[in-house]
Amino acid sequence: MECVVVLLLGSVLVGGLVLFVIEAGVRRTRSMAARDDQEISELHRRYGDGRW
């Protein structure tokens, strides 16, 4: 019986860790995309709609 409880707690901890890592990766990807949008906006402001 104790073995089942230990396995259950272990799986919950591992699942939480996996979700945390996925969330951190998604957050970093979003911030990189926002930075790219900011740079593109700056280029549009500086050079207009022409080629840059």
N, C-alpha and C. Protein backbone atom coordinates (compact mmCIF):
# COMPACT_ATOMS: atom_id res chain seq x y z
N MET A 1 0.83 -1.21 0.00
CA MET A 1 0.00 0.00 0.00
C MET A 1 0.86 1.26 0.00
N GLU A 2 1.92 1.27 0.82
CA GLU A 2 2.78 2.47 0.85
C GLU A 2 3.46 2.68 -0.49
N CYS A 3 3.76 1.56 -1.16
CA CYS A 3 4.41 1.65 -2.47
C CYS A 3 3.52 2.39 -3.47
N VAL A 4 2.22 2.12 -3.42
CA VAL A 4 1.27 2.79 -4.31
C VAL A 4 1.24 4.29 -4.03
N VAL A 5 1.24 4.67 -2.77
CA VAL A 5 1.21 6.08 -2.39
C VAL A 5 2.48 6.77 -2.86
N VAL A 6 3.64 6.13 -2.68
CA VAL A 6 4.91 6.71 -3.10
C VAL A 6 4.94 6.89 -4.62
N LEU A 7 4.46 5.88 -5.34
CA LEU A 7 4.41 5.99 -6.81
C LEU A 7 3.47 7.10 -7.26
N LEU A 8 2.35 7.23 -6.61
CA LEU A 8 1.39 8.28 -6.95
C LEU A 8 1.99 9.67 -6.71
N LEU A 9 2.61 9.86 -5.55
CA LEU A 9 3.25 11.15 -5.27
C LEU A 9 4.38 11.45 -6.25
N GLY A 10 5.16 10.43 -6.56
CA GLY A 10 6.25 10.61 -7.52
C GLY A 10 5.75 11.02 -8.88
N SER A 11 4.67 10.39 -9.33
CA SER A 11 4.13 10.74 -10.65
C SER A 11 3.56 12.15 -10.66
N VAL A 12 2.96 12.56 -9.56
CA VAL A 12 2.43 13.93 -9.46
C VAL A 12 3.58 14.94 -9.52
N LEU A 13 4.66 14.66 -8.80
CA LEU A 13 5.81 15.56 -8.81
C LEU A 13 6.44 15.65 -10.20
N VAL A 14 6.61 14.51 -10.85
CA VAL A 14 7.20 14.51 -12.20
C VAL A 14 6.30 15.25 -13.17
N GLY A 15 4.99 15.04 -13.09
CA GLY A 15 4.05 15.75 -13.96
C GLY A 15 4.11 17.25 -13.76
N GLY A 16 4.21 17.69 -12.51
CA GLY A 16 4.32 19.13 -12.24
C GLY A 16 5.61 19.71 -12.79
N LEU A 17 6.69 18.95 -12.69
CA LEU A 17 7.97 19.41 -13.23
C LEU A 17 7.91 19.55 -14.74
N VAL A 18 7.30 18.57 -15.40
CA VAL A 18 7.17 18.62 -16.85
C VAL A 18 6.34 19.83 -17.27
N LEU A 19 5.23 20.07 -16.59
CA LEU A 19 4.40 21.24 -16.91
C LEU A 19 5.16 22.54 -16.69
N PHE A 20 5.97 22.61 -15.63
CA PHE A 20 6.76 23.81 -15.36
C PHE A 20 7.75 24.07 -16.48
N VAL A 21 8.43 23.02 -16.94
CA VAL A 21 9.43 23.18 -18.01
C VAL A 21 8.74 23.61 -19.31
N ILE A 22 7.60 23.02 -19.63
CA ILE A 22 6.87 23.40 -20.85
C ILE A 22 6.44 24.86 -20.76
N GLU A 23 5.91 25.28 -19.62
CA GLU A 23 5.46 26.66 -19.45
C GLU A 23 6.62 27.64 -19.59
N ALA A 24 7.78 27.30 -19.03
CA ALA A 24 8.95 28.18 -19.15
C ALA A 24 9.38 28.30 -20.61
N GLY A 25 9.34 27.21 -21.35
CA GLY A 25 9.70 27.25 -22.77
C GLY A 25 8.74 28.10 -23.57
N VAL A 26 7.45 27.97 -23.29
CA VAL A 26 6.44 28.76 -24.00
C VAL A 26 6.63 30.24 -23.69
N ARG A 27 6.92 30.56 -22.43
CA ARG A 27 7.10 31.96 -22.04
C ARG A 27 8.30 32.57 -22.76
N ARG A 28 9.42 31.81 -22.86
CA ARG A 28 10.61 32.32 -23.52
C ARG A 28 10.35 32.52 -25.01
N THR A 29 9.61 31.59 -25.63
CA THR A 29 9.29 31.72 -27.06
C THR A 29 8.44 32.95 -27.30
N ARG A 30 7.47 33.21 -26.41
CA ARG A 30 6.62 34.38 -26.57
C ARG A 30 7.42 35.67 -26.46
N SER A 31 8.36 35.74 -25.52
CA SER A 31 9.13 36.96 -25.35
C SER A 31 10.03 37.19 -26.55
N MET A 32 10.56 36.11 -27.14
CA MET A 32 11.39 36.26 -28.34
C MET A 32 10.54 36.76 -29.50
N ALA A 33 9.32 36.26 -29.65
CA ALA A 33 8.43 36.70 -30.73
C ALA A 33 8.06 38.17 -30.53
N ALA A 34 7.83 38.59 -29.30
CA ALA A 34 7.50 39.99 -29.02
C ALA A 34 8.68 40.88 -29.37
N ARG A 35 9.90 40.42 -29.09
CA ARG A 35 11.09 41.19 -29.42
C ARG A 35 11.23 41.33 -30.94
N ASP A 36 10.96 40.25 -31.68
CA ASP A 36 11.01 40.32 -33.14
C ASP A 36 9.99 41.31 -33.67
N ASP A 37 8.77 41.29 -33.14
CA ASP A 37 7.74 42.24 -33.56
C ASP A 37 8.18 43.67 -33.28
N GLN A 38 8.84 43.88 -32.15
CA GLN A 38 9.32 45.21 -31.80
C GLN A 38 10.38 45.69 -32.80
N GLU A 39 11.30 44.79 -33.16
CA GLU A 39 12.34 45.16 -34.12
C GLU A 39 11.74 45.46 -35.49
N ILE A 40 10.76 44.67 -35.91
CA ILE A 40 10.12 44.91 -37.21
C ILE A 40 9.39 46.25 -37.19
N SER A 41 8.72 46.56 -36.10
CA SER A 41 8.03 47.86 -35.99
C SER A 41 9.04 49.01 -36.08
N GLU A 42 10.19 48.82 -35.43
CA GLU A 42 11.23 49.86 -35.48
C GLU A 42 11.74 50.05 -36.90
N LEU A 43 11.95 48.96 -37.61
CA LEU A 43 12.41 49.06 -39.00
C LEU A 43 11.37 49.75 -39.88
N HIS A 44 10.09 49.41 -39.68
CA HIS A 44 9.03 50.08 -40.44
C HIS A 44 9.02 51.57 -40.13
N ARG A 45 9.19 51.92 -38.87
CA ARG A 45 9.16 53.34 -38.49
C ARG A 45 10.35 54.08 -39.10
N ARG A 46 11.49 53.41 -39.10
CA ARG A 46 12.71 54.06 -39.57
C ARG A 46 12.78 54.17 -41.09
N TYR A 47 12.38 53.09 -41.80
CA TYR A 47 12.62 53.02 -43.23
C TYR A 47 11.33 52.96 -44.05
N GLY A 48 10.19 53.01 -43.42
CA GLY A 48 8.94 52.92 -44.16
C GLY A 48 8.66 51.49 -44.59
N ASP A 49 7.81 51.35 -45.61
CA ASP A 49 7.40 50.02 -46.05
C ASP A 49 8.32 49.46 -47.13
N GLY A 50 9.37 50.16 -47.49
CA GLY A 50 10.31 49.68 -48.50
C GLY A 50 11.09 48.48 -48.02
N ARG A 51 12.05 48.07 -48.79
CA ARG A 51 12.88 46.92 -48.40
C ARG A 51 13.90 47.36 -47.36
N TRP A 52 14.11 46.51 -46.35
CA TRP A 52 15.12 46.78 -45.35
C TRP A 52 15.90 45.55 -45.17
